[in-house]
Amino acid sequence: MGNITGASFEGLRKQAKRWLKSLRSGDAIARSRFAALLPQHSAAIGLREVQQALAREHDFASWAALKEHFEIARLATTGQDALLGELLSKGCLSYQADDWPSKWRRAERINSSWICCWSTAPTPTRPTTTAKPRVKY
């Protein structure tokens, strides 16, 4: 997914604001960096466009995807139960007004990004036996 090692979402928000300030002050380096990431930008660059460029710089499709990555990562640090609860709340039909594809896509991203990591985690030792199980008829 994205290249955000050691970054925090709050830090990236502040970075976007600093970048916008540099762009508005006419910094040539900031402008060339921005144009490389978002070549079809508006004449009056706003914070949303800078956030979009920053997300692309970190290999995310959008600022919303970057933000969601940090939200899911925060859930993952609170424990497996919190992340699993989020997965189930987003992935299961509730037959309410909130059953939208965007909700299901979030469950899909949680599953593909985080749940698969647990399958490689060590599991408690189980007794093994070489004897064949007896089948009762």
C-alpha atoms as a PDB file:
ATOM      1  CA  MET A   1       0.000   0.000   0.000  1.00  0.00           C
ATOM      2  CA  GLY A   2       1.464   3.345   0.923  1.00  0.00           C
ATOM      3  CA  ASN A   3       4.938   4.462   1.828  1.00  0.00           C
ATOM      4  CA  ILE A   4       4.302   6.072   5.241  1.00  0.00           C
ATOM      5  CA  THR A   5       6.925   4.547   7.505  1.00  0.00           C
ATOM      6  CA  GLY A   6       7.251   6.567  10.696  1.00  0.00           C
ATOM      7  CA  ALA A   7       4.590   9.095   9.716  1.00  0.00           C
ATOM      8  CA  SER A   8       1.485  10.070  11.633  1.00  0.00           C
ATOM      9  CA  PHE A   9      -1.718  11.322  10.085  1.00  0.00           C
ATOM     10  CA  GLU A  10      -1.552  14.529  12.119  1.00  0.00           C
ATOM     11  CA  GLY A  11       2.008  15.052  10.898  1.00  0.00           C
ATOM     12  CA  LEU A  12       0.886  14.627   7.298  1.00  0.00           C
ATOM     13  CA  ARG A  13      -1.942  17.131   7.810  1.00  0.00           C
ATOM     14  CA  LYS A  14       0.571  19.676   9.068  1.00  0.00           C
ATOM     15  CA  GLN A  15       2.904  18.870   6.198  1.00  0.00           C
ATOM     16  CA  ALA A  16       0.096  19.540   3.706  1.00  0.00           C
ATOM     17  CA  LYS A  17      -0.554  22.935   5.287  1.00  0.00           C
ATOM     18  CA  ARG A  18       3.152  23.826   5.182  1.00  0.00           C
ATOM     19  CA  TRP A  19       3.336  22.727   1.552  1.00  0.00           C
ATOM     20  CA  LEU A  20       0.333  24.895   0.679  1.00  0.00           C
ATOM     21  CA  LYS A  21       1.978  27.851   2.398  1.00  0.00           C
ATOM     22  CA  SER A  22       5.148  27.260   0.358  1.00  0.00           C
ATOM     23  CA  LEU A  23       3.110  27.060  -2.845  1.00  0.00           C
ATOM     24  CA  ARG A  24       1.320  30.309  -2.086  1.00  0.00           C
ATOM     25  CA  SER A  25       4.617  32.039  -1.347  1.00  0.00           C
ATOM     26  CA  GLY A  26       5.907  31.057  -4.808  1.00  0.00           C
ATOM     27  CA  ASP A  27       8.472  28.400  -3.825  1.00  0.00           C
ATOM     28  CA  ALA A  28       9.689  26.882  -7.115  1.00  0.00           C
ATOM     29  CA  ILE A  29      10.710  23.544  -5.580  1.00  0.00           C
ATOM     30  CA  ALA A  30       7.315  23.120  -3.904  1.00  0.00           C
ATOM     31  CA  ARG A  31       5.557  24.015  -7.171  1.00  0.00           C
ATOM     32  CA  SER A  32       7.565  21.526  -9.267  1.00  0.00           C
ATOM     33  CA  ARG A  33       7.009  18.774  -6.686  1.00  0.00           C
ATOM     34  CA  PHE A  34       3.281  19.545  -6.705  1.00  0.00           C
ATOM     35  CA  ALA A  35       3.026  19.703 -10.515  1.00  0.00           C
ATOM     36  CA  ALA A  36       4.742  16.321 -10.834  1.00  0.00           C
ATOM     37  CA  LEU A  37       2.104  14.704  -8.617  1.00  0.00           C
ATOM     38  CA  LEU A  38      -0.957  16.630  -9.736  1.00  0.00           C
ATOM     39  CA  PRO A  39      -0.316  17.998 -13.237  1.00  0.00           C
ATOM     40  CA  GLN A  40      -3.928  19.042 -13.893  1.00  0.00           C
ATOM     41  CA  HIS A  41      -4.448  21.266 -10.879  1.00  0.00           C
ATOM     42  CA  SER A  42      -6.497  24.429 -10.632  1.00  0.00           C
ATOM     43  CA  ALA A  43      -4.969  27.879 -10.939  1.00  0.00           C
ATOM     44  CA  ALA A  44      -5.763  28.694  -7.307  1.00  0.00           C
ATOM     45  CA  ILE A  45      -4.333  25.705  -5.457  1.00  0.00           C
ATOM     46  CA  GLY A  46      -6.246  24.782  -2.312  1.00  0.00           C
ATOM     47  CA  LEU A  47      -5.639  22.511   0.645  1.00  0.00           C
ATOM     48  CA  ARG A  48      -7.647  19.651  -0.872  1.00  0.00           C
ATOM     49  CA  GLU A  49      -5.410  19.521  -3.920  1.00  0.00           C
ATOM     50  CA  VAL A  50      -2.284  19.597  -1.765  1.00  0.00           C
ATOM     51  CA  GLN A  51      -3.668  16.777   0.367  1.00  0.00           C
ATOM     52  CA  GLN A  52      -4.415  14.793  -2.802  1.00  0.00           C
ATOM     53  CA  ALA A  53      -0.856  15.323  -4.048  1.00  0.00           C
ATOM     54  CA  LEU A  54       0.566  14.321  -0.672  1.00  0.00           C
ATOM     55  CA  ALA A  55      -1.516  11.137  -0.693  1.00  0.00           C
ATOM     56  CA  ARG A  56      -0.259  10.304  -4.182  1.00  0.00           C
ATOM     57  CA  GLU A  57       3.297  10.967  -3.054  1.00  0.00           C
ATOM     58  CA  HIS A  58       2.795   8.251  -0.432  1.00  0.00           C
ATOM     59  CA  ASP A  59       1.271   5.831  -2.980  1.00  0.00           C
ATOM     60  CA  PHE A  60      -2.372   6.277  -1.987  1.00  0.00           C
ATOM     61  CA  ALA A  61      -5.113   6.986  -4.514  1.00  0.00           C
ATOM     62  CA  SER A  62      -6.658   9.738  -2.407  1.00  0.00           C
ATOM     63  CA  TRP A  63      -6.452  11.638   0.860  1.00  0.00           C
ATOM     64  CA  ALA A  64      -9.474   9.664   2.078  1.00  0.00           C
ATOM     65  CA  ALA A  65      -7.640   6.379   1.433  1.00  0.00           C
ATOM     66  CA  LEU A  66      -4.605   7.679   3.318  1.00  0.00           C
ATOM     67  CA  LYS A  67      -6.780   8.745   6.253  1.00  0.00           C
ATOM     68  CA  GLU A  68      -8.556   5.386   6.294  1.00  0.00           C
ATOM     69  CA  HIS A  69      -5.220   3.585   6.343  1.00  0.00           C
ATOM     70  CA  PHE A  70      -4.281   5.439   9.527  1.00  0.00           C
ATOM     71  CA  GLU A  71      -7.714   4.748  11.071  1.00  0.00           C
ATOM     72  CA  ILE A  72      -7.370   1.023  10.421  1.00  0.00           C
ATOM     73  CA  ALA A  73      -3.783   1.024  11.687  1.00  0.00           C
ATOM     74  CA  ARG A  74      -4.957   2.729  14.893  1.00  0.00           C
ATOM     75  CA  LEU A  75      -7.618   0.041  15.323  1.00  0.00           C
ATOM     76  CA  ALA A  76      -5.008  -2.653  14.757  1.00  0.00           C
ATOM     77  CA  THR A  77      -2.857  -1.275  17.580  1.00  0.00           C
ATOM     78  CA  THR A  78      -5.783  -1.466  20.006  1.00  0.00           C
ATOM     79  CA  GLY A  79      -6.004  -5.197  19.431  1.00  0.00           C
ATOM     80  CA  GLN A  80      -7.374  -7.913  17.269  1.00  0.00           C
ATOM     81  CA  ASP A  81     -10.864  -7.654  18.797  1.00  0.00           C
ATOM     82  CA  ALA A  82     -11.308  -3.991  17.820  1.00  0.00           C
ATOM     83  CA  LEU A  83     -10.205  -4.619  14.246  1.00  0.00           C
ATOM     84  CA  LEU A  84     -12.322  -7.736  13.936  1.00  0.00           C
ATOM     85  CA  GLY A  85     -15.302  -5.808  15.312  1.00  0.00           C
ATOM     86  CA  GLU A  86     -14.779  -3.110  12.693  1.00  0.00           C
ATOM     87  CA  LEU A  87     -14.505  -5.747   9.975  1.00  0.00           C
ATOM     88  CA  LEU A  88     -17.750  -7.382  11.058  1.00  0.00           C
ATOM     89  CA  SER A  89     -19.618  -4.098  11.468  1.00  0.00           C
ATOM     90  CA  LYS A  90     -18.616  -3.006   7.964  1.00  0.00           C
ATOM     91  CA  GLY A  91     -18.770  -6.377   6.250  1.00  0.00           C
ATOM     92  CA  CYS A  92     -22.129  -7.660   7.463  1.00  0.00           C
ATOM     93  CA  LEU A  93     -25.497  -6.504   6.238  1.00  0.00           C
ATOM     94  CA  SER A  94     -27.459  -4.649   8.863  1.00  0.00           C
ATOM     95  CA  TYR A  95     -30.493  -3.981   6.640  1.00  0.00           C
ATOM     96  CA  GLN A  96     -30.374  -0.354   7.755  1.00  0.00           C
ATOM     97  CA  ALA A  97     -29.753   2.869   5.866  1.00  0.00           C
ATOM     98  CA  ASP A  98     -25.983   2.477   6.233  1.00  0.00           C
ATOM     99  CA  ASP A  99     -25.659  -0.574   3.960  1.00  0.00           C
ATOM    100  CA  TRP A 100     -23.663   1.029   1.156  1.00  0.00           C
ATOM    101  CA  PRO A 101     -20.892  -0.328  -1.073  1.00  0.00           C
ATOM    102  CA  SER A 102     -18.406   2.120   0.491  1.00  0.00           C
ATOM    103  CA  LYS A 103     -18.975   0.400   3.845  1.00  0.00           C
ATOM    104  CA  TRP A 104     -18.354  -3.016   2.308  1.00  0.00           C
ATOM    105  CA  ARG A 105     -15.235  -1.769   0.513  1.00  0.00           C
ATOM    106  CA  ARG A 106     -13.817  -0.677   3.854  1.00  0.00           C
ATOM    107  CA  ALA A 107     -14.396  -4.200   5.201  1.00  0.00           C
ATOM    108  CA  GLU A 108     -12.656  -5.556   2.130  1.00  0.00           C
ATOM    109  CA  ARG A 109      -9.652  -3.270   2.718  1.00  0.00           C
ATOM    110  CA  ILE A 110      -9.496  -4.244   6.396  1.00  0.00           C
ATOM    111  CA  ASN A 111      -9.561  -7.891   5.432  1.00  0.00           C
ATOM    112  CA  SER A 112      -6.927  -7.649   2.720  1.00  0.00           C
ATOM    113  CA  SER A 113      -4.605  -5.305   4.622  1.00  0.00           C
ATOM    114  CA  TRP A 114      -4.709  -6.498   8.200  1.00  0.00           C
ATOM    115  CA  ILE A 115      -6.512  -9.781   8.792  1.00  0.00           C
ATOM    116  CA  CYS A 116      -4.173 -11.670   6.472  1.00  0.00           C
ATOM    117  CA  CYS A 117      -1.268 -10.672   8.717  1.00  0.00           C
ATOM    118  CA  TRP A 118      -2.731 -12.714  11.558  1.00  0.00           C
ATOM    119  CA  SER A 119      -2.755 -15.913   9.516  1.00  0.00           C
ATOM    120  CA  THR A 120       1.052 -15.946   9.695  1.00  0.00           C
ATOM    121  CA  ALA A 121       1.139 -15.255  13.433  1.00  0.00           C
ATOM    122  CA  PRO A 122       2.176 -18.165  15.623  1.00  0.00           C
ATOM    123  CA  THR A 123      -0.714 -20.161  17.035  1.00  0.00           C
ATOM    124  CA  PRO A 124      -0.861 -21.886  20.409  1.00  0.00           C
ATOM    125  CA  THR A 125       0.640 -25.340  20.412  1.00  0.00           C
ATOM    126  CA  ARG A 126      -1.878 -28.103  19.914  1.00  0.00           C
ATOM    127  CA  PRO A 127      -1.251 -31.704  20.823  1.00  0.00           C
ATOM    128  CA  THR A 128      -0.562 -33.752  17.759  1.00  0.00           C
ATOM    129  CA  THR A 129      -1.303 -37.386  17.378  1.00  0.00           C
ATOM    130  CA  THR A 130      -0.236 -39.928  14.821  1.00  0.00           C
ATOM    131  CA  ALA A 131      -3.110 -42.287  15.521  1.00  0.00           C
ATOM    132  CA  LYS A 132      -6.005 -42.313  13.104  1.00  0.00           C
ATOM    133  CA  PRO A 133      -9.295 -41.095  14.534  1.00  0.00           C
ATOM    134  CA  ARG A 134     -11.861 -43.766  15.297  1.00  0.00           C
ATOM    135  CA  VAL A 135     -15.104 -43.493  13.461  1.00  0.00           C
ATOM    136  CA  LYS A 136     -18.238 -44.723  15.203  1.00  0.00           C
ATOM    137  CA  TYR A 137     -21.122 -45.999  13.154  1.00  0.00           C
END
